[in-house]
Amino acid sequence: MFAATFVLLLLGHWLADYPFQTDHQA
């Protein structure tokens, strides 16, 4: 379960840090 959960969290993180982070937030 650890590996799958980590990958899911990493994907969520990448989405939030890159395509969903606004210029204003950055």
mmCIF file of all heavy atoms, coordinates in Angstrom:
data_MODEL
# 
_entry.id   MODEL 
# 
loop_
_atom_site.group_PDB 
_atom_site.id 
_atom_site.type_symbol 
_atom_site.label_atom_id 
_atom_site.label_alt_id 
_atom_site.label_comp_id 
_atom_site.label_asym_id 
_atom_site.label_entity_id 
_atom_site.label_seq_id 
_atom_site.pdbx_PDB_ins_code 
_atom_site.Cartn_x 
_atom_site.Cartn_y 
_atom_site.Cartn_z 
_atom_site.occupancy 
_atom_site.B_iso_or_equiv 
_atom_site.pdbx_formal_charge 
_atom_site.auth_seq_id 
_atom_site.auth_comp_id 
_atom_site.auth_asym_id 
_atom_site.auth_atom_id 
_atom_site.pdbx_PDB_model_num 
ATOM 1   N N   . MET A 1 1  ? 0.815  -1.200 0.000   1.00 0.00 ? 1  MET A N   1 
ATOM 2   C CA  . MET A 1 1  ? 0.000  0.000  0.000   1.00 0.00 ? 1  MET A CA  1 
ATOM 3   C C   . MET A 1 1  ? 0.862  1.269  0.000   1.00 0.00 ? 1  MET A C   1 
ATOM 4   O O   . MET A 1 1  ? 0.467  2.257  -0.574  1.00 0.00 ? 1  MET A O   1 
ATOM 5   C CB  . MET A 1 1  ? -0.927 -0.018 1.207   1.00 0.00 ? 1  MET A CB  1 
ATOM 6   C CG  . MET A 1 1  ? -1.534 1.322  1.454   1.00 0.00 ? 1  MET A CG  1 
ATOM 7   S SD  . MET A 1 1  ? -3.239 1.332  1.811   1.00 0.00 ? 1  MET A SD  1 
ATOM 8   C CE  . MET A 1 1  ? -3.325 2.887  2.626   1.00 0.00 ? 1  MET A CE  1 
ATOM 9   N N   . PHE A 1 2  ? 2.016  1.208  0.659   1.00 0.00 ? 2  PHE A N   1 
ATOM 10  C CA  . PHE A 1 2  ? 2.862  2.402  0.729   1.00 0.00 ? 2  PHE A CA  1 
ATOM 11  C C   . PHE A 1 2  ? 3.206  2.934  -0.657  1.00 0.00 ? 2  PHE A C   1 
ATOM 12  O O   . PHE A 1 2  ? 3.055  4.128  -0.929  1.00 0.00 ? 2  PHE A O   1 
ATOM 13  C CB  . PHE A 1 2  ? 4.147  2.125  1.519   1.00 0.00 ? 2  PHE A CB  1 
ATOM 14  C CG  . PHE A 1 2  ? 5.163  3.221  1.349   1.00 0.00 ? 2  PHE A CG  1 
ATOM 15  C CD1 . PHE A 1 2  ? 5.020  4.425  2.010   1.00 0.00 ? 2  PHE A CD1 1 
ATOM 16  C CD2 . PHE A 1 2  ? 6.252  3.053  0.498   1.00 0.00 ? 2  PHE A CD2 1 
ATOM 17  C CE1 . PHE A 1 2  ? 5.943  5.454  1.833   1.00 0.00 ? 2  PHE A CE1 1 
ATOM 18  C CE2 . PHE A 1 2  ? 7.178  4.070  0.317   1.00 0.00 ? 2  PHE A CE2 1 
ATOM 19  C CZ  . PHE A 1 2  ? 7.026  5.275  0.987   1.00 0.00 ? 2  PHE A CZ  1 
ATOM 20  N N   . ALA A 1 3  ? 3.690  2.068  -1.539  1.00 0.00 ? 3  ALA A N   1 
ATOM 21  C CA  . ALA A 1 3  ? 4.143  2.526  -2.857  1.00 0.00 ? 3  ALA A CA  1 
ATOM 22  C C   . ALA A 1 3  ? 3.013  3.169  -3.648  1.00 0.00 ? 3  ALA A C   1 
ATOM 23  O O   . ALA A 1 3  ? 3.183  4.258  -4.220  1.00 0.00 ? 3  ALA A O   1 
ATOM 24  C CB  . ALA A 1 3  ? 4.751  1.361  -3.641  1.00 0.00 ? 3  ALA A CB  1 
ATOM 25  N N   . ALA A 1 4  ? 1.866  2.518  -3.688  1.00 0.00 ? 4  ALA A N   1 
ATOM 26  C CA  . ALA A 1 4  ? 0.733  3.067  -4.440  1.00 0.00 ? 4  ALA A CA  1 
ATOM 27  C C   . ALA A 1 4  ? 0.285  4.394  -3.846  1.00 0.00 ? 4  ALA A C   1 
ATOM 28  O O   . ALA A 1 4  ? 0.017  5.358  -4.582  1.00 0.00 ? 4  ALA A O   1 
ATOM 29  C CB  . ALA A 1 4  ? -0.420 2.067  -4.455  1.00 0.00 ? 4  ALA A CB  1 
ATOM 30  N N   . THR A 1 5  ? 0.215  4.471  -2.532  1.00 0.00 ? 5  THR A N   1 
ATOM 31  C CA  . THR A 1 5  ? -0.217 5.704  -1.863  1.00 0.00 ? 5  THR A CA  1 
ATOM 32  C C   . THR A 1 5  ? 0.783  6.828  -2.116  1.00 0.00 ? 5  THR A C   1 
ATOM 33  O O   . THR A 1 5  ? 0.391  7.965  -2.400  1.00 0.00 ? 5  THR A O   1 
ATOM 34  C CB  . THR A 1 5  ? -0.387 5.450  -0.353  1.00 0.00 ? 5  THR A CB  1 
ATOM 35  O OG1 . THR A 1 5  ? -1.315 4.386  -0.170  1.00 0.00 ? 5  THR A OG1 1 
ATOM 36  C CG2 . THR A 1 5  ? -0.900 6.678  0.356   1.00 0.00 ? 5  THR A CG2 1 
ATOM 37  N N   . PHE A 1 6  ? 2.069  6.508  -2.042  1.00 0.00 ? 6  PHE A N   1 
ATOM 38  C CA  . PHE A 1 6  ? 3.087  7.524  -2.291  1.00 0.00 ? 6  PHE A CA  1 
ATOM 39  C C   . PHE A 1 6  ? 2.985  8.060  -3.715  1.00 0.00 ? 6  PHE A C   1 
ATOM 40  O O   . PHE A 1 6  ? 3.048  9.280  -3.944  1.00 0.00 ? 6  PHE A O   1 
ATOM 41  C CB  . PHE A 1 6  ? 4.488  6.982  -2.022  1.00 0.00 ? 6  PHE A CB  1 
ATOM 42  C CG  . PHE A 1 6  ? 5.565  7.999  -2.271  1.00 0.00 ? 6  PHE A CG  1 
ATOM 43  C CD1 . PHE A 1 6  ? 5.751  9.058  -1.400  1.00 0.00 ? 6  PHE A CD1 1 
ATOM 44  C CD2 . PHE A 1 6  ? 6.380  7.904  -3.394  1.00 0.00 ? 6  PHE A CD2 1 
ATOM 45  C CE1 . PHE A 1 6  ? 6.737  10.009 -1.635  1.00 0.00 ? 6  PHE A CE1 1 
ATOM 46  C CE2 . PHE A 1 6  ? 7.368  8.838  -3.632  1.00 0.00 ? 6  PHE A CE2 1 
ATOM 47  C CZ  . PHE A 1 6  ? 7.549  9.896  -2.753  1.00 0.00 ? 6  PHE A CZ  1 
ATOM 48  N N   . VAL A 1 7  ? 2.825  7.183  -4.686  1.00 0.00 ? 7  VAL A N   1 
ATOM 49  C CA  . VAL A 1 7  ? 2.711  7.622  -6.087  1.00 0.00 ? 7  VAL A CA  1 
ATOM 50  C C   . VAL A 1 7  ? 1.475  8.501  -6.264  1.00 0.00 ? 7  VAL A C   1 
ATOM 51  O O   . VAL A 1 7  ? 1.525  9.547  -6.930  1.00 0.00 ? 7  VAL A O   1 
ATOM 52  C CB  . VAL A 1 7  ? 2.702  6.416  -7.047  1.00 0.00 ? 7  VAL A CB  1 
ATOM 53  C CG1 . VAL A 1 7  ? 2.307  6.833  -8.455  1.00 0.00 ? 7  VAL A CG1 1 
ATOM 54  C CG2 . VAL A 1 7  ? 4.063  5.737  -7.058  1.00 0.00 ? 7  VAL A CG2 1 
ATOM 55  N N   . LEU A 1 8  ? 0.366  8.110  -5.675  1.00 0.00 ? 8  LEU A N   1 
ATOM 56  C CA  . LEU A 1 8  ? -0.854 8.925  -5.773  1.00 0.00 ? 8  LEU A CA  1 
ATOM 57  C C   . LEU A 1 8  ? -0.637 10.313 -5.169  1.00 0.00 ? 8  LEU A C   1 
ATOM 58  O O   . LEU A 1 8  ? -1.039 11.327 -5.763  1.00 0.00 ? 8  LEU A O   1 
ATOM 59  C CB  . LEU A 1 8  ? -2.023 8.224  -5.079  1.00 0.00 ? 8  LEU A CB  1 
ATOM 60  C CG  . LEU A 1 8  ? -2.531 6.960  -5.762  1.00 0.00 ? 8  LEU A CG  1 
ATOM 61  C CD1 . LEU A 1 8  ? -3.440 6.178  -4.820  1.00 0.00 ? 8  LEU A CD1 1 
ATOM 62  C CD2 . LEU A 1 8  ? -3.242 7.291  -7.064  1.00 0.00 ? 8  LEU A CD2 1 
ATOM 63  N N   . LEU A 1 9  ? -0.012 10.357 -4.002  1.00 0.00 ? 9  LEU A N   1 
ATOM 64  C CA  . LEU A 1 9  ? 0.250  11.652 -3.368  1.00 0.00 ? 9  LEU A CA  1 
ATOM 65  C C   . LEU A 1 9  ? 1.229  12.483 -4.188  1.00 0.00 ? 9  LEU A C   1 
ATOM 66  O O   . LEU A 1 9  ? 1.061  13.704 -4.307  1.00 0.00 ? 9  LEU A O   1 
ATOM 67  C CB  . LEU A 1 9  ? 0.786  11.448 -1.950  1.00 0.00 ? 9  LEU A CB  1 
ATOM 68  C CG  . LEU A 1 9  ? -0.217 10.895 -0.936  1.00 0.00 ? 9  LEU A CG  1 
ATOM 69  C CD1 . LEU A 1 9  ? 0.470  10.607 0.394   1.00 0.00 ? 9  LEU A CD1 1 
ATOM 70  C CD2 . LEU A 1 9  ? -1.390 11.842 -0.754  1.00 0.00 ? 9  LEU A CD2 1 
ATOM 71  N N   . LEU A 1 10 ? 2.228  11.841 -4.762  1.00 0.00 ? 10 LEU A N   1 
ATOM 72  C CA  . LEU A 1 10 ? 3.195  12.558 -5.596  1.00 0.00 ? 10 LEU A CA  1 
ATOM 73  C C   . LEU A 1 10 ? 2.521  13.129 -6.844  1.00 0.00 ? 10 LEU A C   1 
ATOM 74  O O   . LEU A 1 10 ? 2.784  14.275 -7.237  1.00 0.00 ? 10 LEU A O   1 
ATOM 75  C CB  . LEU A 1 10 ? 4.351  11.643 -5.974  1.00 0.00 ? 10 LEU A CB  1 
ATOM 76  C CG  . LEU A 1 10 ? 5.545  12.294 -6.653  1.00 0.00 ? 10 LEU A CG  1 
ATOM 77  C CD1 . LEU A 1 10 ? 6.167  13.373 -5.765  1.00 0.00 ? 10 LEU A CD1 1 
ATOM 78  C CD2 . LEU A 1 10 ? 6.584  11.245 -7.006  1.00 0.00 ? 10 LEU A CD2 1 
ATOM 79  N N   . LEU A 1 11 ? 1.633  12.374 -7.457  1.00 0.00 ? 11 LEU A N   1 
ATOM 80  C CA  . LEU A 1 11 ? 0.899  12.886 -8.619  1.00 0.00 ? 11 LEU A CA  1 
ATOM 81  C C   . LEU A 1 11 ? 0.023  14.073 -8.236  1.00 0.00 ? 11 LEU A C   1 
ATOM 82  O O   . LEU A 1 11 ? -0.031 15.074 -8.956  1.00 0.00 ? 11 LEU A O   1 
ATOM 83  C CB  . LEU A 1 11 ? 0.073  11.771 -9.259  1.00 0.00 ? 11 LEU A CB  1 
ATOM 84  C CG  . LEU A 1 11 ? 0.878  10.667 -9.943  1.00 0.00 ? 11 LEU A CG  1 
ATOM 85  C CD1 . LEU A 1 11 ? -0.045 9.527  -10.383 1.00 0.00 ? 11 LEU A CD1 1 
ATOM 86  C CD2 . LEU A 1 11 ? 1.659  11.210 -11.118 1.00 0.00 ? 11 LEU A CD2 1 
ATOM 87  N N   . GLY A 1 12 ? -0.676 13.964 -7.100  1.00 0.00 ? 12 GLY A N   1 
ATOM 88  C CA  . GLY A 1 12 ? -1.481 15.094 -6.620  1.00 0.00 ? 12 GLY A CA  1 
ATOM 89  C C   . GLY A 1 12 ? -0.611 16.311 -6.362  1.00 0.00 ? 12 GLY A C   1 
ATOM 90  O O   . GLY A 1 12 ? -0.973 17.443 -6.695  1.00 0.00 ? 12 GLY A O   1 
ATOM 91  N N   . HIS A 1 13 ? 0.554  16.082 -5.774  1.00 0.00 ? 13 HIS A N   1 
ATOM 92  C CA  . HIS A 1 13 ? 1.503  17.167 -5.495  1.00 0.00 ? 13 HIS A CA  1 
ATOM 93  C C   . HIS A 1 13 ? 1.962  17.842 -6.785  1.00 0.00 ? 13 HIS A C   1 
ATOM 94  O O   . HIS A 1 13 ? 1.956  19.072 -6.886  1.00 0.00 ? 13 HIS A O   1 
ATOM 95  C CB  . HIS A 1 13 ? 2.706  16.608 -4.722  1.00 0.00 ? 13 HIS A CB  1 
ATOM 96  C CG  . HIS A 1 13 ? 3.843  17.562 -4.642  1.00 0.00 ? 13 HIS A CG  1 
ATOM 97  N ND1 . HIS A 1 13 ? 3.895  18.580 -3.720  1.00 0.00 ? 13 HIS A ND1 1 
ATOM 98  C CD2 . HIS A 1 13 ? 4.972  17.673 -5.388  1.00 0.00 ? 13 HIS A CD2 1 
ATOM 99  C CE1 . HIS A 1 13 ? 4.997  19.273 -3.905  1.00 0.00 ? 13 HIS A CE1 1 
ATOM 100 N NE2 . HIS A 1 13 ? 5.675  18.734 -4.910  1.00 0.00 ? 13 HIS A NE2 1 
ATOM 101 N N   . TRP A 1 14 ? 2.368  17.024 -7.744  1.00 0.00 ? 14 TRP A N   1 
ATOM 102 C CA  . TRP A 1 14 ? 2.835  17.610 -9.011  1.00 0.00 ? 14 TRP A CA  1 
ATOM 103 C C   . TRP A 1 14 ? 1.738  18.417 -9.697  1.00 0.00 ? 14 TRP A C   1 
ATOM 104 O O   . TRP A 1 14 ? 1.997  19.486 -10.258 1.00 0.00 ? 14 TRP A O   1 
ATOM 105 C CB  . TRP A 1 14 ? 3.359  16.530 -9.942  1.00 0.00 ? 14 TRP A CB  1 
ATOM 106 C CG  . TRP A 1 14 ? 4.708  16.013 -9.578  1.00 0.00 ? 14 TRP A CG  1 
ATOM 107 C CD1 . TRP A 1 14 ? 5.666  16.627 -8.828  1.00 0.00 ? 14 TRP A CD1 1 
ATOM 108 C CD2 . TRP A 1 14 ? 5.256  14.750 -9.971  1.00 0.00 ? 14 TRP A CD2 1 
ATOM 109 N NE1 . TRP A 1 14 ? 6.771  15.817 -8.733  1.00 0.00 ? 14 TRP A NE1 1 
ATOM 110 C CE2 . TRP A 1 14 ? 6.563  14.675 -9.411  1.00 0.00 ? 14 TRP A CE2 1 
ATOM 111 C CE3 . TRP A 1 14 ? 4.781  13.687 -10.720 1.00 0.00 ? 14 TRP A CE3 1 
ATOM 112 C CZ2 . TRP A 1 14 ? 7.375  13.568 -9.608  1.00 0.00 ? 14 TRP A CZ2 1 
ATOM 113 C CZ3 . TRP A 1 14 ? 5.605  12.580 -10.903 1.00 0.00 ? 14 TRP A CZ3 1 
ATOM 114 C CH2 . TRP A 1 14 ? 6.889  12.523 -10.353 1.00 0.00 ? 14 TRP A CH2 1 
ATOM 115 N N   . LEU A 1 15 ? 0.517  17.906 -9.675  1.00 0.00 ? 15 LEU A N   1 
ATOM 116 C CA  . LEU A 1 15 ? -0.593 18.667 -10.267 1.00 0.00 ? 15 LEU A CA  1 
ATOM 117 C C   . LEU A 1 15 ? -0.776 20.009 -9.568  1.00 0.00 ? 15 LEU A C   1 
ATOM 118 O O   . LEU A 1 15 ? -0.960 21.044 -10.210 1.00 0.00 ? 15 LEU A O   1 
ATOM 119 C CB  . LEU A 1 15 ? -1.894 17.857 -10.198 1.00 0.00 ? 15 LEU A CB  1 
ATOM 120 C CG  . LEU A 1 15 ? -2.026 16.708 -11.184 1.00 0.00 ? 15 LEU A CG  1 
ATOM 121 C CD1 . LEU A 1 15 ? -3.241 15.863 -10.843 1.00 0.00 ? 15 LEU A CD1 1 
ATOM 122 C CD2 . LEU A 1 15 ? -2.123 17.242 -12.604 1.00 0.00 ? 15 LEU A CD2 1 
ATOM 123 N N   . ALA A 1 16 ? -0.738 19.989 -8.235  1.00 0.00 ? 16 ALA A N   1 
ATOM 124 C CA  . ALA A 1 16 ? -0.953 21.223 -7.472  1.00 0.00 ? 16 ALA A CA  1 
ATOM 125 C C   . ALA A 1 16 ? 0.218  22.188 -7.601  1.00 0.00 ? 16 ALA A C   1 
ATOM 126 O O   . ALA A 1 16 ? 0.017  23.409 -7.599  1.00 0.00 ? 16 ALA A O   1 
ATOM 127 C CB  . ALA A 1 16 ? -1.199 20.885 -6.007  1.00 0.00 ? 16 ALA A CB  1 
ATOM 128 N N   . ASP A 1 17 ? 1.433  21.676 -7.695  1.00 0.00 ? 17 ASP A N   1 
ATOM 129 C CA  . ASP A 1 17 ? 2.608  22.550 -7.749  1.00 0.00 ? 17 ASP A CA  1 
ATOM 130 C C   . ASP A 1 17 ? 2.896  23.104 -9.130  1.00 0.00 ? 17 ASP A C   1 
ATOM 131 O O   . ASP A 1 17 ? 3.589  24.114 -9.245  1.00 0.00 ? 17 ASP A O   1 
ATOM 132 C CB  . ASP A 1 17 ? 3.848  21.796 -7.244  1.00 0.00 ? 17 ASP A CB  1 
ATOM 133 C CG  . ASP A 1 17 ? 4.439  22.421 -5.994  1.00 0.00 ? 17 ASP A CG  1 
ATOM 134 O OD1 . ASP A 1 17 ? 3.746  23.223 -5.338  1.00 0.00 ? 17 ASP A OD1 1 
ATOM 135 O OD2 . ASP A 1 17 ? 5.587  22.095 -5.665  1.00 0.00 ? 17 ASP A OD2 1 
ATOM 136 N N   . TYR A 1 18 ? 2.402  22.454 -10.168 1.00 0.00 ? 18 TYR A N   1 
ATOM 137 C CA  . TYR A 1 18 ? 2.726  22.918 -11.518 1.00 0.00 ? 18 TYR A CA  1 
ATOM 138 C C   . TYR A 1 18 ? 1.490  23.386 -12.295 1.00 0.00 ? 18 TYR A C   1 
ATOM 139 O O   . TYR A 1 18 ? 1.258  24.590 -12.366 1.00 0.00 ? 18 TYR A O   1 
ATOM 140 C CB  . TYR A 1 18 ? 3.576  21.869 -12.251 1.00 0.00 ? 18 TYR A CB  1 
ATOM 141 C CG  . TYR A 1 18 ? 4.890  21.649 -11.518 1.00 0.00 ? 18 TYR A CG  1 
ATOM 142 C CD1 . TYR A 1 18 ? 5.125  20.502 -10.777 1.00 0.00 ? 18 TYR A CD1 1 
ATOM 143 C CD2 . TYR A 1 18 ? 5.871  22.638 -11.520 1.00 0.00 ? 18 TYR A CD2 1 
ATOM 144 C CE1 . TYR A 1 18 ? 6.319  20.334 -10.073 1.00 0.00 ? 18 TYR A CE1 1 
ATOM 145 C CE2 . TYR A 1 18 ? 7.065  22.482 -10.820 1.00 0.00 ? 18 TYR A CE2 1 
ATOM 146 C CZ  . TYR A 1 18 ? 7.280  21.326 -10.102 1.00 0.00 ? 18 TYR A CZ  1 
ATOM 147 O OH  . TYR A 1 18 ? 8.445  21.163 -9.405  1.00 0.00 ? 18 TYR A OH  1 
ATOM 148 N N   . PRO A 1 19 ? 0.650  22.535 -12.873 1.00 0.00 ? 19 PRO A N   1 
ATOM 149 C CA  . PRO A 1 19 ? -0.438 23.078 -13.686 1.00 0.00 ? 19 PRO A CA  1 
ATOM 150 C C   . PRO A 1 19 ? -1.514 23.840 -12.908 1.00 0.00 ? 19 PRO A C   1 
ATOM 151 O O   . PRO A 1 19 ? -2.180 24.703 -13.471 1.00 0.00 ? 19 PRO A O   1 
ATOM 152 C CB  . PRO A 1 19 ? -1.029 21.848 -14.388 1.00 0.00 ? 19 PRO A CB  1 
ATOM 153 C CG  . PRO A 1 19 ? -0.548 20.676 -13.640 1.00 0.00 ? 19 PRO A CG  1 
ATOM 154 C CD  . PRO A 1 19 ? 0.723  21.067 -12.973 1.00 0.00 ? 19 PRO A CD  1 
ATOM 155 N N   . PHE A 1 20 ? -1.684 23.550 -11.606 1.00 0.00 ? 20 PHE A N   1 
ATOM 156 C CA  . PHE A 1 20 ? -2.738 24.223 -10.864 1.00 0.00 ? 20 PHE A CA  1 
ATOM 157 C C   . PHE A 1 20 ? -2.242 25.357 -9.963  1.00 0.00 ? 20 PHE A C   1 
ATOM 158 O O   . PHE A 1 20 ? -3.040 25.975 -9.262  1.00 0.00 ? 20 PHE A O   1 
ATOM 159 C CB  . PHE A 1 20 ? -3.544 23.211 -10.032 1.00 0.00 ? 20 PHE A CB  1 
ATOM 160 C CG  . PHE A 1 20 ? -4.491 22.403 -10.874 1.00 0.00 ? 20 PHE A CG  1 
ATOM 161 C CD1 . PHE A 1 20 ? -4.105 21.165 -11.376 1.00 0.00 ? 20 PHE A CD1 1 
ATOM 162 C CD2 . PHE A 1 20 ? -5.751 22.876 -11.192 1.00 0.00 ? 20 PHE A CD2 1 
ATOM 163 C CE1 . PHE A 1 20 ? -4.968 20.415 -12.165 1.00 0.00 ? 20 PHE A CE1 1 
ATOM 164 C CE2 . PHE A 1 20 ? -6.609 22.143 -11.972 1.00 0.00 ? 20 PHE A CE2 1 
ATOM 165 C CZ  . PHE A 1 20 ? -6.224 20.908 -12.470 1.00 0.00 ? 20 PHE A CZ  1 
ATOM 166 N N   . GLN A 1 21 ? -0.955 25.663 -9.964  1.00 0.00 ? 21 GLN A N   1 
ATOM 167 C CA  . GLN A 1 21 ? -0.447 26.796 -9.189  1.00 0.00 ? 21 GLN A CA  1 
ATOM 168 C C   . GLN A 1 21 ? -0.481 28.036 -10.075 1.00 0.00 ? 21 GLN A C   1 
ATOM 169 O O   . GLN A 1 21 ? 0.082  28.036 -11.176 1.00 0.00 ? 21 GLN A O   1 
ATOM 170 C CB  . GLN A 1 21 ? 0.987  26.544 -8.707  1.00 0.00 ? 21 GLN A CB  1 
ATOM 171 C CG  . GLN A 1 21 ? 1.536  27.697 -7.914  1.00 0.00 ? 21 GLN A CG  1 
ATOM 172 C CD  . GLN A 1 21 ? 2.882  27.406 -7.276  1.00 0.00 ? 21 GLN A CD  1 
ATOM 173 O OE1 . GLN A 1 21 ? 3.225  28.024 -6.299  1.00 0.00 ? 21 GLN A OE1 1 
ATOM 174 N NE2 . GLN A 1 21 ? 3.661  26.473 -7.812  1.00 0.00 ? 21 GLN A NE2 1 
ATOM 175 N N   . THR A 1 22 ? -1.138 29.063 -9.591  1.00 0.00 ? 22 THR A N   1 
ATOM 176 C CA  . THR A 1 22 ? -1.235 30.291 -10.376 1.00 0.00 ? 22 THR A CA  1 
ATOM 177 C C   . THR A 1 22 ? 0.073  31.077 -10.294 1.00 0.00 ? 22 THR A C   1 
ATOM 178 O O   . THR A 1 22 ? 0.877  30.894 -9.376  1.00 0.00 ? 22 THR A O   1 
ATOM 179 C CB  . THR A 1 22 ? -2.382 31.185 -9.866  1.00 0.00 ? 22 THR A CB  1 
ATOM 180 O OG1 . THR A 1 22 ? -2.053 31.668 -8.557  1.00 0.00 ? 22 THR A OG1 1 
ATOM 181 C CG2 . THR A 1 22 ? -3.712 30.432 -9.828  1.00 0.00 ? 22 THR A CG2 1 
ATOM 182 N N   . ASP A 1 23 ? 0.265  31.953 -11.250 1.00 0.00 ? 23 ASP A N   1 
ATOM 183 C CA  . ASP A 1 23 ? 1.427  32.839 -11.222 1.00 0.00 ? 23 ASP A CA  1 
ATOM 184 C C   . ASP A 1 23 ? 1.419  33.676 -9.945  1.00 0.00 ? 23 ASP A C   1 
ATOM 185 O O   . ASP A 1 23 ? 2.464  33.914 -9.337  1.00 0.00 ? 23 ASP A O   1 
ATOM 186 C CB  . ASP A 1 23 ? 1.441  33.762 -12.438 1.00 0.00 ? 23 ASP A CB  1 
ATOM 187 C CG  . ASP A 1 23 ? 1.773  33.044 -13.728 1.00 0.00 ? 23 ASP A CG  1 
ATOM 188 O OD1 . ASP A 1 23 ? 2.322  31.927 -13.673 1.00 0.00 ? 23 ASP A OD1 1 
ATOM 189 O OD2 . ASP A 1 23 ? 1.480  33.614 -14.801 1.00 0.00 ? 23 ASP A OD2 1 
ATOM 190 N N   . HIS A 1 24 ? 0.235  34.142 -9.548  1.00 0.00 ? 24 HIS A N   1 
ATOM 191 C CA  . HIS A 1 24 ? 0.114  34.952 -8.333  1.00 0.00 ? 24 HIS A CA  1 
ATOM 192 C C   . HIS A 1 24 ? 0.571  34.162 -7.108  1.00 0.00 ? 24 HIS A C   1 
ATOM 193 O O   . HIS A 1 24 ? 1.318  34.678 -6.271  1.00 0.00 ? 24 HIS A O   1 
ATOM 194 C CB  . HIS A 1 24 ? -1.337 35.426 -8.167  1.00 0.00 ? 24 HIS A CB  1 
ATOM 195 C CG  . HIS A 1 24 ? -1.555 36.214 -6.915  1.00 0.00 ? 24 HIS A CG  1 
ATOM 196 N ND1 . HIS A 1 24 ? -1.052 37.473 -6.742  1.00 0.00 ? 24 HIS A ND1 1 
ATOM 197 C CD2 . HIS A 1 24 ? -2.209 35.903 -5.770  1.00 0.00 ? 24 HIS A CD2 1 
ATOM 198 C CE1 . HIS A 1 24 ? -1.388 37.917 -5.531  1.00 0.00 ? 24 HIS A CE1 1 
ATOM 199 N NE2 . HIS A 1 24 ? -2.086 36.974 -4.936  1.00 0.00 ? 24 HIS A NE2 1 
ATOM 200 N N   . GLN A 1 25 ? 0.124  32.906 -6.993  1.00 0.00 ? 25 GLN A N   1 
ATOM 201 C CA  . GLN A 1 25 ? 0.543  32.078 -5.863  1.00 0.00 ? 25 GLN A CA  1 
ATOM 202 C C   . GLN A 1 25 ? 2.056  31.879 -5.875  1.00 0.00 ? 25 GLN A C   1 
ATOM 203 O O   . GLN A 1 25 ? 2.712  32.015 -4.838  1.00 0.00 ? 25 GLN A O   1 
ATOM 204 C CB  . GLN A 1 25 ? -0.161 30.722 -5.898  1.00 0.00 ? 25 GLN A CB  1 
ATOM 205 C CG  . GLN A 1 25 ? -1.629 30.791 -5.572  1.00 0.00 ? 25 GLN A CG  1 
ATOM 206 C CD  . GLN A 1 25 ? -2.346 29.483 -5.859  1.00 0.00 ? 25 GLN A CD  1 
ATOM 207 O OE1 . GLN A 1 25 ? -1.884 28.646 -6.633  1.00 0.00 ? 25 GLN A OE1 1 
ATOM 208 N NE2 . GLN A 1 25 ? -3.508 29.308 -5.250  1.00 0.00 ? 25 GLN A NE2 1 
ATOM 209 N N   . ALA A 1 26 ? 2.607  31.541 -7.017  1.00 0.00 ? 26 ALA A N   1 
ATOM 210 C CA  . ALA A 1 26 ? 4.047  31.296 -7.117  1.00 0.00 ? 26 ALA A CA  1 
ATOM 211 C C   . ALA A 1 26 ? 4.856  32.533 -6.728  1.00 0.00 ? 26 ALA A C   1 
ATOM 212 O O   . ALA A 1 26 ? 5.877  32.423 -6.048  1.00 0.00 ? 26 ALA A O   1 
ATOM 213 C CB  . ALA A 1 26 ? 4.403  30.846 -8.532  1.00 0.00 ? 26 ALA A CB  1 
# 
